[in-house]
Amino acid sequence: YISWKDGILNFNKATLSSILHNVGRYYNVSFEKNNHIEFAQRTYSGKLILSDNLDDIMNSISALTSTVYNRENNKILIKNK
């Protein structure tokens, strides 16, 4: 629960919505989703090393979840590939 302080986000059977919520809090960004993405259907387990570069994290999440993202300032739109 406190691994984010060490720059690590651990998750076990977490929904994409939950993962994005934690990433958003860490980087102070908000997420918008395309209506065709089911944020609560699939779960994911793993570890993200949080870095100074949000795009690195978003590229990892995109690869993991088969999504793409578009970033504009502090808002990120998530959509299917």
PDB file of N, CA and C in Angstrom:
ATOM      1  N   TYR A   1       0.805  -1.212   0.000  1.00  0.00           N
ATOM      2  CA  TYR A   1       0.000   0.000   0.000  1.00  0.00           C
ATOM      3  C   TYR A   1       0.843   1.270   0.000  1.00  0.00           C
ATOM      4  N   ILE A   2       2.064   1.191   0.479  1.00  0.00           N
ATOM      5  CA  ILE A   2       2.890   2.393   0.525  1.00  0.00           C
ATOM      6  C   ILE A   2       4.095   2.303  -0.406  1.00  0.00           C
ATOM      7  N   SER A   3       4.133   1.309  -1.280  1.00  0.00           N
ATOM      8  CA  SER A   3       5.277   1.152  -2.178  1.00  0.00           C
ATOM      9  C   SER A   3       5.414   2.323  -3.142  1.00  0.00           C
ATOM     10  N   TRP A   4       4.330   3.068  -3.382  1.00  0.00           N
ATOM     11  CA  TRP A   4       4.392   4.226  -4.281  1.00  0.00           C
ATOM     12  C   TRP A   4       5.385   5.260  -3.764  1.00  0.00           C
ATOM     13  N   LYS A   5       5.587   5.299  -2.446  1.00  0.00           N
ATOM     14  CA  LYS A   5       6.555   6.245  -1.882  1.00  0.00           C
ATOM     15  C   LYS A   5       7.970   5.906  -2.324  1.00  0.00           C
ATOM     16  N   ASP A   6       8.196   4.645  -2.657  1.00  0.00           N
ATOM     17  CA  ASP A   6       9.500   4.197  -3.135  1.00  0.00           C
ATOM     18  C   ASP A   6       9.572   4.176  -4.659  1.00  0.00           C
ATOM     19  N   GLY A   7       8.531   4.691  -5.320  1.00  0.00           N
ATOM     20  CA  GLY A   7       8.519   4.752  -6.778  1.00  0.00           C
ATOM     21  C   GLY A   7       8.083   3.464  -7.445  1.00  0.00           C
ATOM     22  N   ILE A   8       7.324   2.653  -6.733  1.00  0.00           N
ATOM     23  CA  ILE A   8       6.860   1.376  -7.277  1.00  0.00           C
ATOM     24  C   ILE A   8       5.355   1.272  -7.051  1.00  0.00           C
ATOM     25  N   LEU A   9       4.644   0.834  -8.079  1.00  0.00           N
ATOM     26  CA  LEU A   9       3.213   0.584  -7.958  1.00  0.00           C
ATOM     27  C   LEU A   9       2.976  -0.905  -8.141  1.00  0.00           C
ATOM     28  N   ASN A  10       2.673  -1.598  -7.060  1.00  0.00           N
ATOM     29  CA  ASN A  10       2.363  -3.026  -7.100  1.00  0.00           C
ATOM     30  C   ASN A  10       0.864  -3.199  -7.210  1.00  0.00           C
ATOM     31  N   PHE A  11       0.443  -4.154  -8.022  1.00  0.00           N
ATOM     32  CA  PHE A  11      -0.980  -4.443  -8.086  1.00  0.00           C
ATOM     33  C   PHE A  11      -1.192  -5.933  -8.304  1.00  0.00           C
ATOM     34  N   ASN A  12      -2.248  -6.443  -7.678  1.00  0.00           N
ATOM     35  CA  ASN A  12      -2.588  -7.856  -7.735  1.00  0.00           C
ATOM     36  C   ASN A  12      -4.070  -7.974  -8.051  1.00  0.00           C
ATOM     37  N   LYS A  13      -4.371  -8.481  -9.234  1.00  0.00           N
ATOM     38  CA  LYS A  13      -5.756  -8.619  -9.700  1.00  0.00           C
ATOM     39  C   LYS A  13      -6.492  -7.278  -9.623  1.00  0.00           C
ATOM     40  N   ALA A  14      -5.835  -6.235 -10.095  1.00  0.00           N
ATOM     41  CA  ALA A  14      -6.418  -4.888 -10.076  1.00  0.00           C
ATOM     42  C   ALA A  14      -7.062  -4.594 -11.423  1.00  0.00           C
ATOM     43  N   THR A  15      -8.142  -3.849 -11.395  1.00  0.00           N
ATOM     44  CA  THR A  15      -8.781  -3.425 -12.634  1.00  0.00           C
ATOM     45  C   THR A  15      -7.986  -2.278 -13.246  1.00  0.00           C
ATOM     46  N   LEU A  16      -8.192  -2.063 -14.534  1.00  0.00           N
ATOM     47  CA  LEU A  16      -7.525  -0.947 -15.205  1.00  0.00           C
ATOM     48  C   LEU A  16      -7.926   0.372 -14.567  1.00  0.00           C
ATOM     49  N   SER A  17      -9.171   0.476 -14.168  1.00  0.00           N
ATOM     50  CA  SER A  17      -9.647   1.687 -13.505  1.00  0.00           C
ATOM     51  C   SER A  17      -8.860   1.961 -12.233  1.00  0.00           C
ATOM     52  N   SER A  18      -8.620   0.934 -11.452  1.00  0.00           N
ATOM     53  CA  SER A  18      -7.862   1.073 -10.201  1.00  0.00           C
ATOM     54  C   SER A  18      -6.407   1.457 -10.468  1.00  0.00           C
ATOM     55  N   ILE A  19      -5.799   0.835 -11.460  1.00  0.00           N
ATOM     56  CA  ILE A  19      -4.413   1.143 -11.804  1.00  0.00           C
ATOM     57  C   ILE A  19      -4.297   2.597 -12.247  1.00  0.00           C
ATOM     58  N   LEU A  20      -5.213   3.030 -13.125  1.00  0.00           N
ATOM     59  CA  LEU A  20      -5.172   4.401 -13.618  1.00  0.00           C
ATOM     60  C   LEU A  20      -5.448   5.405 -12.501  1.00  0.00           C
ATOM     61  N   HIS A  21      -6.295   5.035 -11.564  1.00  0.00           N
ATOM     62  CA  HIS A  21      -6.571   5.909 -10.420  1.00  0.00           C
ATOM     63  C   HIS A  21      -5.281   6.170  -9.636  1.00  0.00           C
ATOM     64  N   ASN A  22      -4.537   5.111  -9.376  1.00  0.00           N
ATOM     65  CA  ASN A  22      -3.281   5.252  -8.623  1.00  0.00           C
ATOM     66  C   ASN A  22      -2.224   6.013  -9.413  1.00  0.00           C
ATOM     67  N   VAL A  23      -2.122   5.746 -10.704  1.00  0.00           N
ATOM     68  CA  VAL A  23      -1.173   6.478 -11.542  1.00  0.00           C
ATOM     69  C   VAL A  23      -1.562   7.949 -11.592  1.00  0.00           C
ATOM     70  N   GLY A  24      -2.851   8.218 -11.724  1.00  0.00           N
ATOM     71  CA  GLY A  24      -3.331   9.593 -11.764  1.00  0.00           C
ATOM     72  C   GLY A  24      -3.014  10.361 -10.501  1.00  0.00           C
ATOM     73  N   ARG A  25      -3.160   9.714  -9.369  1.00  0.00           N
ATOM     74  CA  ARG A  25      -2.833  10.372  -8.096  1.00  0.00           C
ATOM     75  C   ARG A  25      -1.346  10.666  -7.990  1.00  0.00           C
ATOM     76  N   TYR A  26      -0.518   9.735  -8.440  1.00  0.00           N
ATOM     77  CA  TYR A  26       0.930   9.905  -8.341  1.00  0.00           C
ATOM     78  C   TYR A  26       1.421  11.037  -9.248  1.00  0.00           C
ATOM     79  N   TYR A  27       0.893  11.094 -10.474  1.00  0.00           N
ATOM     80  CA  TYR A  27       1.358  12.080 -11.458  1.00  0.00           C
ATOM     81  C   TYR A  27       0.455  13.310 -11.564  1.00  0.00           C
ATOM     82  N   ASN A  28      -0.602  13.355 -10.781  1.00  0.00           N
ATOM     83  CA  ASN A  28      -1.538  14.470 -10.800  1.00  0.00           C
ATOM     84  C   ASN A  28      -2.140  14.696 -12.191  1.00  0.00           C
ATOM     85  N   VAL A  29      -2.677  13.615 -12.760  1.00  0.00           N
ATOM     86  CA  VAL A  29      -3.367  13.675 -14.045  1.00  0.00           C
ATOM     87  C   VAL A  29      -4.723  13.005 -13.909  1.00  0.00           C
ATOM     88  N   SER A  30      -5.615  13.290 -14.847  1.00  0.00           N
ATOM     89  CA  SER A  30      -6.916  12.623 -14.867  1.00  0.00           C
ATOM     90  C   SER A  30      -7.043  11.831 -16.163  1.00  0.00           C
ATOM     91  N   PHE A  31      -7.880  10.828 -16.129  1.00  0.00           N
ATOM     92  CA  PHE A  31      -8.058   9.938 -17.270  1.00  0.00           C
ATOM     93  C   PHE A  31      -9.494   9.998 -17.770  1.00  0.00           C
ATOM     94  N   GLU A  32      -9.619   9.977 -19.082  1.00  0.00           N
ATOM     95  CA  GLU A  32     -10.917   9.831 -19.724  1.00  0.00           C
ATOM     96  C   GLU A  32     -10.837   8.559 -20.540  1.00  0.00           C
ATOM     97  N   LYS A  33     -11.940   7.825 -20.596  1.00  0.00           N
ATOM     98  CA  LYS A  33     -11.903   6.574 -21.337  1.00  0.00           C
ATOM     99  C   LYS A  33     -12.866   6.619 -22.509  1.00  0.00           C
ATOM    100  N   ASN A  34     -12.498   5.885 -23.529  1.00  0.00           N
ATOM    101  CA  ASN A  34     -13.379   5.655 -24.652  1.00  0.00           C
ATOM    102  C   ASN A  34     -14.484   4.728 -24.160  1.00  0.00           C
ATOM    103  N   ASN A  35     -15.698   4.936 -24.567  1.00  0.00           N
ATOM    104  CA  ASN A  35     -16.830   4.145 -24.067  1.00  0.00           C
ATOM    105  C   ASN A  35     -16.721   2.654 -24.376  1.00  0.00           C
ATOM    106  N   HIS A  36     -15.858   2.270 -25.283  1.00  0.00           N
ATOM    107  CA  HIS A  36     -15.761   0.862 -25.670  1.00  0.00           C
ATOM    108  C   HIS A  36     -14.787   0.073 -24.802  1.00  0.00           C
ATOM    109  N   ILE A  37     -14.129   0.725 -23.876  1.00  0.00           N
ATOM    110  CA  ILE A  37     -13.179   0.026 -22.998  1.00  0.00           C
ATOM    111  C   ILE A  37     -13.885  -0.391 -21.718  1.00  0.00           C
ATOM    112  N   GLU A  38     -13.748  -1.658 -21.392  1.00  0.00           N
ATOM    113  CA  GLU A  38     -14.317  -2.177 -20.154  1.00  0.00           C
ATOM    114  C   GLU A  38     -13.241  -2.121 -19.076  1.00  0.00           C
ATOM    115  N   PHE A  39     -13.274  -1.089 -18.261  1.00  0.00           N
ATOM    116  CA  PHE A  39     -12.244  -0.892 -17.242  1.00  0.00           C
ATOM    117  C   PHE A  39     -12.335  -1.914 -16.118  1.00  0.00           C
ATOM    118  N   ALA A  40     -13.497  -2.473 -15.870  1.00  0.00           N
ATOM    119  CA  ALA A  40     -13.665  -3.340 -14.708  1.00  0.00           C
ATOM    120  C   ALA A  40     -13.689  -4.823 -15.065  1.00  0.00           C
ATOM    121  N   GLN A  41     -13.696  -5.175 -16.332  1.00  0.00           N
ATOM    122  CA  GLN A  41     -13.825  -6.583 -16.708  1.00  0.00           C
ATOM    123  C   GLN A  41     -12.555  -7.381 -16.482  1.00  0.00           C
ATOM    124  N   ARG A  42     -11.437  -6.908 -16.948  1.00  0.00           N
ATOM    125  CA  ARG A  42     -10.183  -7.640 -16.827  1.00  0.00           C
ATOM    126  C   ARG A  42      -9.402  -7.150 -15.621  1.00  0.00           C
ATOM    127  N   THR A  43      -8.623  -8.055 -15.048  1.00  0.00           N
ATOM    128  CA  THR A  43      -7.755  -7.670 -13.937  1.00  0.00           C
ATOM    129  C   THR A  43      -6.300  -7.937 -14.332  1.00  0.00           C
ATOM    130  N   TYR A  44      -5.409  -7.217 -13.681  1.00  0.00           N
ATOM    131  CA  TYR A  44      -3.993  -7.289 -14.002  1.00  0.00           C
ATOM    132  C   TYR A  44      -3.192  -7.401 -12.709  1.00  0.00           C
ATOM    133  N   SER A  45      -2.083  -8.113 -12.801  1.00  0.00           N
ATOM    134  CA  SER A  45      -1.165  -8.226 -11.669  1.00  0.00           C
ATOM    135  C   SER A  45       0.233  -7.879 -12.158  1.00  0.00           C
ATOM    136  N   GLY A  46       0.983  -7.190 -11.332  1.00  0.00           N
ATOM    137  CA  GLY A  46       2.339  -6.838 -11.720  1.00  0.00           C
ATOM    138  C   GLY A  46       2.875  -5.675 -10.923  1.00  0.00           C
ATOM    139  N   LYS A  47       3.913  -5.062 -11.501  1.00  0.00           N
ATOM    140  CA  LYS A  47       4.595  -3.965 -10.828  1.00  0.00           C
ATOM    141  C   LYS A  47       4.973  -2.934 -11.881  1.00  0.00           C
ATOM    142  N   LEU A  48       4.729  -1.662 -11.575  1.00  0.00           N
ATOM    143  CA  LEU A  48       5.176  -0.560 -12.415  1.00  0.00           C
ATOM    144  C   LEU A  48       6.221   0.231 -11.645  1.00  0.00           C
ATOM    145  N   ILE A  49       7.352   0.467 -12.289  1.00  0.00           N
ATOM    146  CA  ILE A  49       8.375   1.318 -11.703  1.00  0.00           C
ATOM    147  C   ILE A  49       8.030   2.740 -12.112  1.00  0.00           C
ATOM    148  N   LEU A  50       7.640   3.556 -11.144  1.00  0.00           N
ATOM    149  CA  LEU A  50       7.233   4.926 -11.418  1.00  0.00           C
ATOM    150  C   LEU A  50       8.471   5.780 -11.643  1.00  0.00           C
ATOM    151  N   SER A  51       8.470   6.527 -12.745  1.00  0.00           N
ATOM    152  CA  SER A  51       9.629   7.350 -13.083  1.00  0.00           C
ATOM    153  C   SER A  51       9.196   8.797 -13.263  1.00  0.00           C
ATOM    154  N   ASP A  52      10.149   9.631 -13.603  1.00  0.00           N
ATOM    155  CA  ASP A  52       9.832  11.029 -13.866  1.00  0.00           C
ATOM    156  C   ASP A  52       9.084  11.206 -15.181  1.00  0.00           C
ATOM    157  N   ASN A  53       9.136  10.211 -16.035  1.00  0.00           N
ATOM    158  CA  ASN A  53       8.526  10.315 -17.354  1.00  0.00           C
ATOM    159  C   ASN A  53       7.197   9.558 -17.387  1.00  0.00           C
ATOM    160  N   LEU A  54       6.106  10.274 -17.364  1.00  0.00           N
ATOM    161  CA  LEU A  54       4.772   9.669 -17.392  1.00  0.00           C
ATOM    162  C   LEU A  54       4.552   8.877 -18.670  1.00  0.00           C
ATOM    163  N   ASP A  55       5.132   9.308 -19.780  1.00  0.00           N
ATOM    164  CA  ASP A  55       4.953   8.581 -21.041  1.00  0.00           C
ATOM    165  C   ASP A  55       5.522   7.164 -20.963  1.00  0.00           C
ATOM    166  N   ASP A  56       6.602   6.958 -20.219  1.00  0.00           N
ATOM    167  CA  ASP A  56       7.133   5.607 -20.028  1.00  0.00           C
ATOM    168  C   ASP A  56       6.107   4.714 -19.340  1.00  0.00           C
ATOM    169  N   ILE A  57       5.467   5.239 -18.320  1.00  0.00           N
ATOM    170  CA  ILE A  57       4.453   4.477 -17.588  1.00  0.00           C
ATOM    171  C   ILE A  57       3.248   4.198 -18.484  1.00  0.00           C
ATOM    172  N   MET A  58       2.812   5.211 -19.218  1.00  0.00           N
ATOM    173  CA  MET A  58       1.647   5.036 -20.087  1.00  0.00           C
ATOM    174  C   MET A  58       1.938   4.048 -21.216  1.00  0.00           C
ATOM    175  N   ASN A  59       3.159   4.030 -21.729  1.00  0.00           N
ATOM    176  CA  ASN A  59       3.525   3.044 -22.748  1.00  0.00           C
ATOM    177  C   ASN A  59       3.457   1.628 -22.175  1.00  0.00           C
ATOM    178  N   SER A  60       3.893   1.457 -20.934  1.00  0.00           N
ATOM    179  CA  SER A  60       3.812   0.149 -20.276  1.00  0.00           C
ATOM    180  C   SER A  60       2.363  -0.269 -20.079  1.00  0.00           C
ATOM    181  N   ILE A  61       1.534   0.653 -19.609  1.00  0.00           N
ATOM    182  CA  ILE A  61       0.115   0.346 -19.397  1.00  0.00           C
ATOM    183  C   ILE A  61      -0.555   0.025 -20.726  1.00  0.00           C
ATOM    184  N   SER A  62      -0.237   0.781 -21.763  1.00  0.00           N
ATOM    185  CA  SER A  62      -0.821   0.537 -23.084  1.00  0.00           C
ATOM    186  C   SER A  62      -0.459  -0.852 -23.598  1.00  0.00           C
ATOM    187  N   ALA A  63       0.795  -1.247 -23.433  1.00  0.00           N
ATOM    188  CA  ALA A  63       1.223  -2.573 -23.879  1.00  0.00           C
ATOM    189  C   ALA A  63       0.525  -3.669 -23.081  1.00  0.00           C
ATOM    190  N   LEU A  64       0.376  -3.457 -21.802  1.00  0.00           N
ATOM    191  CA  LEU A  64      -0.251  -4.441 -20.919  1.00  0.00           C
ATOM    192  C   LEU A  64      -1.738  -4.611 -21.202  1.00  0.00           C
ATOM    193  N   THR A  65      -2.416  -3.529 -21.542  1.00  0.00           N
ATOM    194  CA  THR A  65      -3.874  -3.547 -21.649  1.00  0.00           C
ATOM    195  C   THR A  65      -4.404  -3.462 -23.076  1.00  0.00           C
ATOM    196  N   SER A  66      -3.520  -3.480 -24.067  1.00  0.00           N
ATOM    197  CA  SER A  66      -3.914  -3.370 -25.481  1.00  0.00           C
ATOM    198  C   SER A  66      -4.729  -2.107 -25.741  1.00  0.00           C
ATOM    199  N   THR A  67      -4.258  -1.000 -25.202  1.00  0.00           N
ATOM    200  CA  THR A  67      -4.899   0.292 -25.413  1.00  0.00           C
ATOM    201  C   THR A  67      -3.860   1.282 -25.944  1.00  0.00           C
ATOM    202  N   VAL A  68      -4.343   2.423 -26.361  1.00  0.00           N
ATOM    203  CA  VAL A  68      -3.471   3.536 -26.730  1.00  0.00           C
ATOM    204  C   VAL A  68      -3.931   4.744 -25.939  1.00  0.00           C
ATOM    205  N   TYR A  69      -3.079   5.724 -25.837  1.00  0.00           N
ATOM    206  CA  TYR A  69      -3.441   6.911 -25.072  1.00  0.00           C
ATOM    207  C   TYR A  69      -3.065   8.165 -25.837  1.00  0.00           C
ATOM    208  N   ASN A  70      -3.755   9.235 -25.525  1.00  0.00           N
ATOM    209  CA  ASN A  70      -3.454  10.552 -26.066  1.00  0.00           C
ATOM    210  C   ASN A  70      -3.391  11.510 -24.892  1.00  0.00           C
ATOM    211  N   ARG A  71      -2.272  12.171 -24.748  1.00  0.00           N
ATOM    212  CA  ARG A  71      -2.041  13.033 -23.587  1.00  0.00           C
ATOM    213  C   ARG A  71      -2.113  14.504 -23.986  1.00  0.00           C
ATOM    214  N   GLU A  72      -2.943  15.249 -23.270  1.00  0.00           N
ATOM    215  CA  GLU A  72      -3.036  16.690 -23.445  1.00  0.00           C
ATOM    216  C   GLU A  72      -2.978  17.335 -22.070  1.00  0.00           C
ATOM    217  N   ASN A  73      -1.842  17.947 -21.769  1.00  0.00           N
ATOM    218  CA  ASN A  73      -1.604  18.568 -20.464  1.00  0.00           C
ATOM    219  C   ASN A  73      -1.830  17.572 -19.347  1.00  0.00           C
ATOM    220  N   ASN A  74      -2.813  17.795 -18.487  1.00  0.00           N
ATOM    221  CA  ASN A  74      -3.059  16.903 -17.350  1.00  0.00           C
ATOM    222  C   ASN A  74      -4.235  15.967 -17.583  1.00  0.00           C
ATOM    223  N   LYS A  75      -4.645  15.780 -18.832  1.00  0.00           N
ATOM    224  CA  LYS A  75      -5.720  14.839 -19.168  1.00  0.00           C
ATOM    225  C   LYS A  75      -5.189  13.811 -20.151  1.00  0.00           C
ATOM    226  N   ILE A  76      -5.581  12.574 -19.913  1.00  0.00           N
ATOM    227  CA  ILE A  76      -5.147  11.478 -20.784  1.00  0.00           C
ATOM    228  C   ILE A  76      -6.383  10.708 -21.227  1.00  0.00           C
ATOM    229  N   LEU A  77      -6.539  10.553 -22.544  1.00  0.00           N
ATOM    230  CA  LEU A  77      -7.641   9.780 -23.112  1.00  0.00           C
ATOM    231  C   LEU A  77      -7.123   8.381 -23.431  1.00  0.00           C
ATOM    232  N   ILE A  78      -7.817   7.383 -22.915  1.00  0.00           N
ATOM    233  CA  ILE A  78      -7.466   5.980 -23.141  1.00  0.00           C
ATOM    234  C   ILE A  78      -8.480   5.403 -24.139  1.00  0.00           C
ATOM    235  N   LYS A  79      -7.987   4.703 -25.166  1.00  0.00           N
ATOM    236  CA  LYS A  79      -8.900   4.051 -26.113  1.00  0.00           C
ATOM    237  C   LYS A  79      -8.300   2.737 -26.597  1.00  0.00           C
ATOM    238  N   ASN A  80      -9.147   1.897 -27.178  1.00  0.00           N
ATOM    239  CA  ASN A  80      -8.698   0.600 -27.697  1.00  0.00           C
ATOM    240  C   ASN A  80      -7.748   0.797 -28.871  1.00  0.00           C
ATOM    241  N   LYS A  81      -6.863  -0.177 -29.061  1.00  0.00           N
ATOM    242  CA  LYS A  81      -5.955  -0.155 -30.218  1.00  0.00           C
ATOM    243  C   LYS A  81      -6.739  -0.387 -31.476  1.00  0.00           C
TER     244      LYS A  81
END
